[in-house]
Amino acid sequence: MNQQIFEHITIQPDVRFGKPVIAGTRVPVDLVVGKVAGGMTIEEIMQEYGLTREQVQATLKYAAHLVAEEELALA
């Protein structure tokens, strides 16, 4: 079962152990975000993984959404 959890982001129990992936692919969100953090350009990621600019940007928007919703318990 393919479940959309964010724009262009889905989860499926049998794909990448249920981790969020770009819809229609097996490319995990954390991989793309990690590549950007490691210095790859959006264009390089698009070429290497066969993604569109919109798909790459969706992973970054999803990551930003998760961070914005996170609550930290400060001691």
PDB file of N, CA and C in Angstrom:
ATOM      1  N   MET A   1       0.834  -1.175   0.000  1.00  0.00           N
ATOM      2  CA  MET A   1       0.000   0.000   0.000  1.00  0.00           C
ATOM      3  C   MET A   1       0.883   1.244   0.000  1.00  0.00           C
ATOM      4  N   ASN A   2       0.644   2.115  -0.956  1.00  0.00           N
ATOM      5  CA  ASN A   2       1.397   3.345  -1.114  1.00  0.00           C
ATOM      6  C   ASN A   2       0.659   4.470  -0.389  1.00  0.00           C
ATOM      7  N   GLN A   3       1.290   5.071   0.620  1.00  0.00           N
ATOM      8  CA  GLN A   3       0.642   6.120   1.394  1.00  0.00           C
ATOM      9  C   GLN A   3       1.401   7.428   1.239  1.00  0.00           C
ATOM     10  N   GLN A   4       0.723   8.452   0.702  1.00  0.00           N
ATOM     11  CA  GLN A   4       1.350   9.760   0.570  1.00  0.00           C
ATOM     12  C   GLN A   4       1.330  10.446   1.931  1.00  0.00           C
ATOM     13  N   ILE A   5       2.507  10.884   2.393  1.00  0.00           N
ATOM     14  CA  ILE A   5       2.590  11.546   3.697  1.00  0.00           C
ATOM     15  C   ILE A   5       2.920  13.029   3.577  1.00  0.00           C
ATOM     16  N   PHE A   6       3.342  13.444   2.380  1.00  0.00           N
ATOM     17  CA  PHE A   6       3.692  14.834   2.110  1.00  0.00           C
ATOM     18  C   PHE A   6       3.720  14.966   0.593  1.00  0.00           C
ATOM     19  N   GLU A   7       3.670  16.160   0.085  1.00  0.00           N
ATOM     20  CA  GLU A   7       3.697  16.342  -1.365  1.00  0.00           C
ATOM     21  C   GLU A   7       4.941  15.674  -1.971  1.00  0.00           C
ATOM     22  N   HIS A   8       4.734  14.732  -2.878  1.00  0.00           N
ATOM     23  CA  HIS A   8       5.785  13.964  -3.559  1.00  0.00           C
ATOM     24  C   HIS A   8       6.508  12.967  -2.660  1.00  0.00           C
ATOM     25  N   ILE A   9       6.051  12.772  -1.434  1.00  0.00           N
ATOM     26  CA  ILE A   9       6.712  11.858  -0.501  1.00  0.00           C
ATOM     27  C   ILE A   9       5.724  10.767  -0.087  1.00  0.00           C
ATOM     28  N   THR A  10       6.165   9.513  -0.196  1.00  0.00           N
ATOM     29  CA  THR A  10       5.301   8.389   0.169  1.00  0.00           C
ATOM     30  C   THR A  10       6.052   7.407   1.057  1.00  0.00           C
ATOM     31  N   ILE A  11       5.279   6.540   1.683  1.00  0.00           N
ATOM     32  CA  ILE A  11       5.856   5.412   2.405  1.00  0.00           C
ATOM     33  C   ILE A  11       5.122   4.145   1.968  1.00  0.00           C
ATOM     34  N   GLN A  12       5.880   3.060   1.906  1.00  0.00           N
ATOM     35  CA  GLN A  12       5.339   1.740   1.611  1.00  0.00           C
ATOM     36  C   GLN A  12       6.098   0.752   2.474  1.00  0.00           C
ATOM     37  N   PRO A  13       5.416  -0.097   3.196  1.00  0.00           N
ATOM     38  CA  PRO A  13       6.102  -1.038   4.085  1.00  0.00           C
ATOM     39  C   PRO A  13       7.144  -1.907   3.375  1.00  0.00           C
ATOM     40  N   ASP A  14       6.920  -2.216   2.096  1.00  0.00           N
ATOM     41  CA  ASP A  14       7.830  -3.101   1.376  1.00  0.00           C
ATOM     42  C   ASP A  14       8.890  -2.369   0.551  1.00  0.00           C
ATOM     43  N   VAL A  15       8.966  -1.045   0.693  1.00  0.00           N
ATOM     44  CA  VAL A  15       9.977  -0.261  -0.020  1.00  0.00           C
ATOM     45  C   VAL A  15      10.842   0.460   0.996  1.00  0.00           C
ATOM     46  N   ARG A  16      12.126   0.166   0.973  1.00  0.00           N
ATOM     47  CA  ARG A  16      13.096   0.816   1.865  1.00  0.00           C
ATOM     48  C   ARG A  16      12.682   0.745   3.327  1.00  0.00           C
ATOM     49  N   PHE A  17      12.137  -0.405   3.714  1.00  0.00           N
ATOM     50  CA  PHE A  17      11.754  -0.673   5.102  1.00  0.00           C
ATOM     51  C   PHE A  17      10.730   0.323   5.636  1.00  0.00           C
ATOM     52  N   GLY A  18       9.907   0.875   4.744  1.00  0.00           N
ATOM     53  CA  GLY A  18       8.860   1.806   5.151  1.00  0.00           C
ATOM     54  C   GLY A  18       9.335   3.223   5.393  1.00  0.00           C
ATOM     55  N   LYS A  19      10.576   3.525   5.028  1.00  0.00           N
ATOM     56  CA  LYS A  19      11.075   4.892   5.190  1.00  0.00           C
ATOM     57  C   LYS A  19      10.497   5.786   4.098  1.00  0.00           C
ATOM     58  N   PRO A  20      10.392   7.095   4.344  1.00  0.00           N
ATOM     59  CA  PRO A  20       9.867   8.002   3.325  1.00  0.00           C
ATOM     60  C   PRO A  20      10.752   8.022   2.076  1.00  0.00           C
ATOM     61  N   VAL A  21      10.105   7.903   0.923  1.00  0.00           N
ATOM     62  CA  VAL A  21      10.788   7.949  -0.371  1.00  0.00           C
ATOM     63  C   VAL A  21      10.085   8.948  -1.271  1.00  0.00           C
ATOM     64  N   ILE A  22      10.761   9.330  -2.335  1.00  0.00           N
ATOM     65  CA  ILE A  22      10.145  10.182  -3.338  1.00  0.00           C
ATOM     66  C   ILE A  22       9.117   9.343  -4.087  1.00  0.00           C
ATOM     67  N   ALA A  23       7.913   9.860  -4.211  1.00  0.00           N
ATOM     68  CA  ALA A  23       6.816   9.127  -4.847  1.00  0.00           C
ATOM     69  C   ALA A  23       7.223   8.608  -6.223  1.00  0.00           C
ATOM     70  N   GLY A  24       6.911   7.338  -6.467  1.00  0.00           N
ATOM     71  CA  GLY A  24       7.204   6.717  -7.746  1.00  0.00           C
ATOM     72  C   GLY A  24       8.627   6.241  -7.901  1.00  0.00           C
ATOM     73  N   THR A  25       9.421   6.363  -6.829  1.00  0.00           N
ATOM     74  CA  THR A  25      10.822   5.925  -6.870  1.00  0.00           C
ATOM     75  C   THR A  25      11.118   5.102  -5.622  1.00  0.00           C
ATOM     76  N   ARG A  26      12.341   4.632  -5.537  1.00  0.00           N
ATOM     77  CA  ARG A  26      12.830   3.979  -4.329  1.00  0.00           C
ATOM     78  C   ARG A  26      13.906   4.855  -3.660  1.00  0.00           C
ATOM     79  N   VAL A  27      13.955   6.124  -4.038  1.00  0.00           N
ATOM     80  CA  VAL A  27      14.971   7.048  -3.522  1.00  0.00           C
ATOM     81  C   VAL A  27      14.503   7.613  -2.189  1.00  0.00           C
ATOM     82  N   PRO A  28      15.215   7.277  -1.097  1.00  0.00           N
ATOM     83  CA  PRO A  28      14.804   7.756   0.223  1.00  0.00           C
ATOM     84  C   PRO A  28      15.066   9.248   0.424  1.00  0.00           C
ATOM     85  N   VAL A  29      14.179   9.869   1.169  1.00  0.00           N
ATOM     86  CA  VAL A  29      14.303  11.293   1.489  1.00  0.00           C
ATOM     87  C   VAL A  29      15.628  11.573   2.185  1.00  0.00           C
ATOM     88  N   ASP A  30      16.008  10.740   3.156  1.00  0.00           N
ATOM     89  CA  ASP A  30      17.235  11.019   3.910  1.00  0.00           C
ATOM     90  C   ASP A  30      18.474  10.971   3.022  1.00  0.00           C
ATOM     91  N   LEU A  31      18.458  10.166   1.972  1.00  0.00           N
ATOM     92  CA  LEU A  31      19.589  10.110   1.051  1.00  0.00           C
ATOM     93  C   LEU A  31      19.752  11.442   0.330  1.00  0.00           C
ATOM     94  N   VAL A  32      18.642  11.970  -0.181  1.00  0.00           N
ATOM     95  CA  VAL A  32      18.693  13.230  -0.927  1.00  0.00           C
ATOM     96  C   VAL A  32      19.110  14.377  -0.013  1.00  0.00           C
ATOM     97  N   VAL A  33      18.518  14.459   1.167  1.00  0.00           N
ATOM     98  CA  VAL A  33      18.878  15.530   2.108  1.00  0.00           C
ATOM     99  C   VAL A  33      20.352  15.422   2.488  1.00  0.00           C
ATOM    100  N   GLY A  34      20.825  14.211   2.700  1.00  0.00           N
ATOM    101  CA  GLY A  34      22.233  13.998   3.017  1.00  0.00           C
ATOM    102  C   GLY A  34      23.157  14.416   1.890  1.00  0.00           C
ATOM    103  N   LYS A  35      22.748  14.174   0.654  1.00  0.00           N
ATOM    104  CA  LYS A  35      23.555  14.585  -0.503  1.00  0.00           C
ATOM    105  C   LYS A  35      23.652  16.101  -0.586  1.00  0.00           C
ATOM    106  N   VAL A  36      22.539  16.794  -0.338  1.00  0.00           N
ATOM    107  CA  VAL A  36      22.564  18.257  -0.329  1.00  0.00           C
ATOM    108  C   VAL A  36      23.484  18.744   0.793  1.00  0.00           C
ATOM    109  N   ALA A  37      23.345  18.164   1.968  1.00  0.00           N
ATOM    110  CA  ALA A  37      24.184  18.550   3.112  1.00  0.00           C
ATOM    111  C   ALA A  37      25.657  18.278   2.833  1.00  0.00           C
ATOM    112  N   GLY A  38      25.928  17.256   2.033  1.00  0.00           N
ATOM    113  CA  GLY A  38      27.304  16.907   1.697  1.00  0.00           C
ATOM    114  C   GLY A  38      27.898  17.750   0.584  1.00  0.00           C
ATOM    115  N   GLY A  39      27.091  18.638   0.003  1.00  0.00           N
ATOM    116  CA  GLY A  39      27.624  19.565  -0.984  1.00  0.00           C
ATOM    117  C   GLY A  39      27.199  19.325  -2.424  1.00  0.00           C
ATOM    118  N   MET A  40      26.433  18.279  -2.682  1.00  0.00           N
ATOM    119  CA  MET A  40      25.961  18.072  -4.050  1.00  0.00           C
ATOM    120  C   MET A  40      24.946  19.150  -4.412  1.00  0.00           C
ATOM    121  N   THR A  41      24.957  19.555  -5.666  1.00  0.00           N
ATOM    122  CA  THR A  41      23.969  20.518  -6.132  1.00  0.00           C
ATOM    123  C   THR A  41      22.679  19.780  -6.476  1.00  0.00           C
ATOM    124  N   ILE A  42      21.611  20.538  -6.553  1.00  0.00           N
ATOM    125  CA  ILE A  42      20.333  19.942  -6.945  1.00  0.00           C
ATOM    126  C   ILE A  42      20.456  19.319  -8.332  1.00  0.00           C
ATOM    127  N   GLU A  43      21.151  19.983  -9.223  1.00  0.00           N
ATOM    128  CA  GLU A  43      21.336  19.465 -10.576  1.00  0.00           C
ATOM    129  C   GLU A  43      22.085  18.136 -10.572  1.00  0.00           C
ATOM    130  N   GLU A  44      23.120  18.021  -9.737  1.00  0.00           N
ATOM    131  CA  GLU A  44      23.868  16.763  -9.647  1.00  0.00           C
ATOM    132  C   GLU A  44      22.990  15.635  -9.113  1.00  0.00           C
ATOM    133  N   ILE A  45      22.181  15.938  -8.130  1.00  0.00           N
ATOM    134  CA  ILE A  45      21.273  14.934  -7.552  1.00  0.00           C
ATOM    135  C   ILE A  45      20.238  14.523  -8.592  1.00  0.00           C
ATOM    136  N   MET A  46      19.700  15.493  -9.309  1.00  0.00           N
ATOM    137  CA  MET A  46      18.729  15.196 -10.358  1.00  0.00           C
ATOM    138  C   MET A  46      19.320  14.229 -11.376  1.00  0.00           C
ATOM    139  N   GLN A  47      20.527  14.501 -11.798  1.00  0.00           N
ATOM    140  CA  GLN A  47      21.176  13.667 -12.815  1.00  0.00           C
ATOM    141  C   GLN A  47      21.510  12.279 -12.269  1.00  0.00           C
ATOM    142  N   GLU A  48      22.060  12.215 -11.075  1.00  0.00           N
ATOM    143  CA  GLU A  48      22.488  10.933 -10.519  1.00  0.00           C
ATOM    144  C   GLU A  48      21.327   9.986 -10.222  1.00  0.00           C
ATOM    145  N   TYR A  49      20.193  10.526  -9.778  1.00  0.00           N
ATOM    146  CA  TYR A  49      19.070   9.679  -9.358  1.00  0.00           C
ATOM    147  C   TYR A  49      17.860   9.761 -10.280  1.00  0.00           C
ATOM    148  N   GLY A  50      17.965  10.502 -11.384  1.00  0.00           N
ATOM    149  CA  GLY A  50      16.866  10.600 -12.331  1.00  0.00           C
ATOM    150  C   GLY A  50      15.641  11.298 -11.761  1.00  0.00           C
ATOM    151  N   LEU A  51      15.879  12.354 -10.999  1.00  0.00           N
ATOM    152  CA  LEU A  51      14.799  13.085 -10.331  1.00  0.00           C
ATOM    153  C   LEU A  51      14.559  14.433 -10.998  1.00  0.00           C
ATOM    154  N   THR A  52      13.406  15.011 -10.709  1.00  0.00           N
ATOM    155  CA  THR A  52      13.120  16.367 -11.163  1.00  0.00           C
ATOM    156  C   THR A  52      13.504  17.349 -10.054  1.00  0.00           C
ATOM    157  N   ARG A  53      13.623  18.600 -10.432  1.00  0.00           N
ATOM    158  CA  ARG A  53      13.905  19.647  -9.435  1.00  0.00           C
ATOM    159  C   ARG A  53      12.803  19.663  -8.375  1.00  0.00           C
ATOM    160  N   GLU A  54      11.571  19.521  -8.809  1.00  0.00           N
ATOM    161  CA  GLU A  54      10.432  19.524  -7.892  1.00  0.00           C
ATOM    162  C   GLU A  54      10.541  18.393  -6.873  1.00  0.00           C
ATOM    163  N   GLN A  55      10.975  17.218  -7.289  1.00  0.00           N
ATOM    164  CA  GLN A  55      11.131  16.090  -6.368  1.00  0.00           C
ATOM    165  C   GLN A  55      12.221  16.355  -5.341  1.00  0.00           C
ATOM    166  N   VAL A  56      13.353  16.886  -5.789  1.00  0.00           N
ATOM    167  CA  VAL A  56      14.448  17.182  -4.857  1.00  0.00           C
ATOM    168  C   VAL A  56      14.005  18.252  -3.863  1.00  0.00           C
ATOM    169  N   GLN A  57      13.357  19.281  -4.343  1.00  0.00           N
ATOM    170  CA  GLN A  57      12.888  20.342  -3.461  1.00  0.00           C
ATOM    171  C   GLN A  57      11.841  19.823  -2.472  1.00  0.00           C
ATOM    172  N   ALA A  58      11.042  18.858  -2.901  1.00  0.00           N
ATOM    173  CA  ALA A  58      10.042  18.279  -1.994  1.00  0.00           C
ATOM    174  C   ALA A  58      10.708  17.598  -0.801  1.00  0.00           C
ATOM    175  N   THR A  59      11.862  16.953  -1.025  1.00  0.00           N
ATOM    176  CA  THR A  59      12.552  16.307   0.098  1.00  0.00           C
ATOM    177  C   THR A  59      13.036  17.348   1.105  1.00  0.00           C
ATOM    178  N   LEU A  60      13.502  18.470   0.606  1.00  0.00           N
ATOM    179  CA  LEU A  60      13.980  19.529   1.497  1.00  0.00           C
ATOM    180  C   LEU A  60      12.813  20.173   2.256  1.00  0.00           C
ATOM    181  N   LYS A  61      11.692  20.363   1.567  1.00  0.00           N
ATOM    182  CA  LYS A  61      10.507  20.911   2.230  1.00  0.00           C
ATOM    183  C   LYS A  61      10.009  19.956   3.308  1.00  0.00           C
ATOM    184  N   TYR A  62      10.028  18.666   3.010  1.00  0.00           N
ATOM    185  CA  TYR A  62       9.586  17.669   3.983  1.00  0.00           C
ATOM    186  C   TYR A  62      10.504  17.680   5.204  1.00  0.00           C
ATOM    187  N   ALA A  63      11.813  17.733   4.982  1.00  0.00           N
ATOM    188  CA  ALA A  63      12.764  17.770   6.095  1.00  0.00           C
ATOM    189  C   ALA A  63      12.555  19.035   6.939  1.00  0.00           C
ATOM    190  N   ALA A  64      12.335  20.166   6.288  1.00  0.00           N
ATOM    191  CA  ALA A  64      12.090  21.417   7.019  1.00  0.00           C
ATOM    192  C   ALA A  64      10.811  21.321   7.834  1.00  0.00           C
ATOM    193  N   HIS A  65       9.791  20.691   7.260  1.00  0.00           N
ATOM    194  CA  HIS A  65       8.521  20.506   7.972  1.00  0.00           C
ATOM    195  C   HIS A  65       8.730  19.668   9.238  1.00  0.00           C
ATOM    196  N   LEU A  66       9.501  18.591   9.116  1.00  0.00           N
ATOM    197  CA  LEU A  66       9.747  17.738  10.283  1.00  0.00           C
ATOM    198  C   LEU A  66      10.485  18.489  11.383  1.00  0.00           C
ATOM    199  N   VAL A  67      11.473  19.277  10.995  1.00  0.00           N
ATOM    200  CA  VAL A  67      12.238  20.037  11.992  1.00  0.00           C
ATOM    201  C   VAL A  67      11.353  21.093  12.643  1.00  0.00           C
ATOM    202  N   ALA A  68      10.514  21.740  11.854  1.00  0.00           N
ATOM    203  CA  ALA A  68       9.633  22.776  12.397  1.00  0.00           C
ATOM    204  C   ALA A  68       8.630  22.210  13.402  1.00  0.00           C
ATOM    205  N   GLU A  69       8.223  20.965  13.205  1.00  0.00           N
ATOM    206  CA  GLU A  69       7.233  20.352  14.077  1.00  0.00           C
ATOM    207  C   GLU A  69       7.859  19.701  15.323  1.00  0.00           C
ATOM    208  N   GLU A  70       9.175  19.564  15.321  1.00  0.00           N
ATOM    209  CA  GLU A  70       9.859  18.883  16.431  1.00  0.00           C
ATOM    210  C   GLU A  70       9.816  19.726  17.696  1.00  0.00           C
ATOM    211  N   GLU A  71       9.532  19.055  18.795  1.00  0.00           N
ATOM    212  CA  GLU A  71       9.551  19.730  20.099  1.00  0.00           C
ATOM    213  C   GLU A  71      10.705  19.156  20.907  1.00  0.00           C
ATOM    214  N   LEU A  72      11.513  20.039  21.437  1.00  0.00           N
ATOM    215  CA  LEU A  72      12.671  19.619  22.218  1.00  0.00           C
ATOM    216  C   LEU A  72      12.408  19.857  23.696  1.00  0.00           C
ATOM    217  N   ALA A  73      12.816  18.896  24.486  1.00  0.00           N
ATOM    218  CA  ALA A  73      12.708  19.043  25.937  1.00  0.00           C
ATOM    219  C   ALA A  73      14.051  19.536  26.454  1.00  0.00           C
ATOM    220  N   LEU A  74      14.102  20.788  26.823  1.00  0.00           N
ATOM    221  CA  LEU A  74      15.338  21.380  27.318  1.00  0.00           C
ATOM    222  C   LEU A  74      15.372  21.261  28.829  1.00  0.00           C
ATOM    223  N   ALA A  75      16.491  20.772  29.325  1.00  0.00           N
ATOM    224  CA  ALA A  75      16.623  20.575  30.772  1.00  0.00           C
ATOM    225  C   ALA A  75      17.231  21.771  31.434  1.00  0.00           C
TER     226      ALA A  75
END
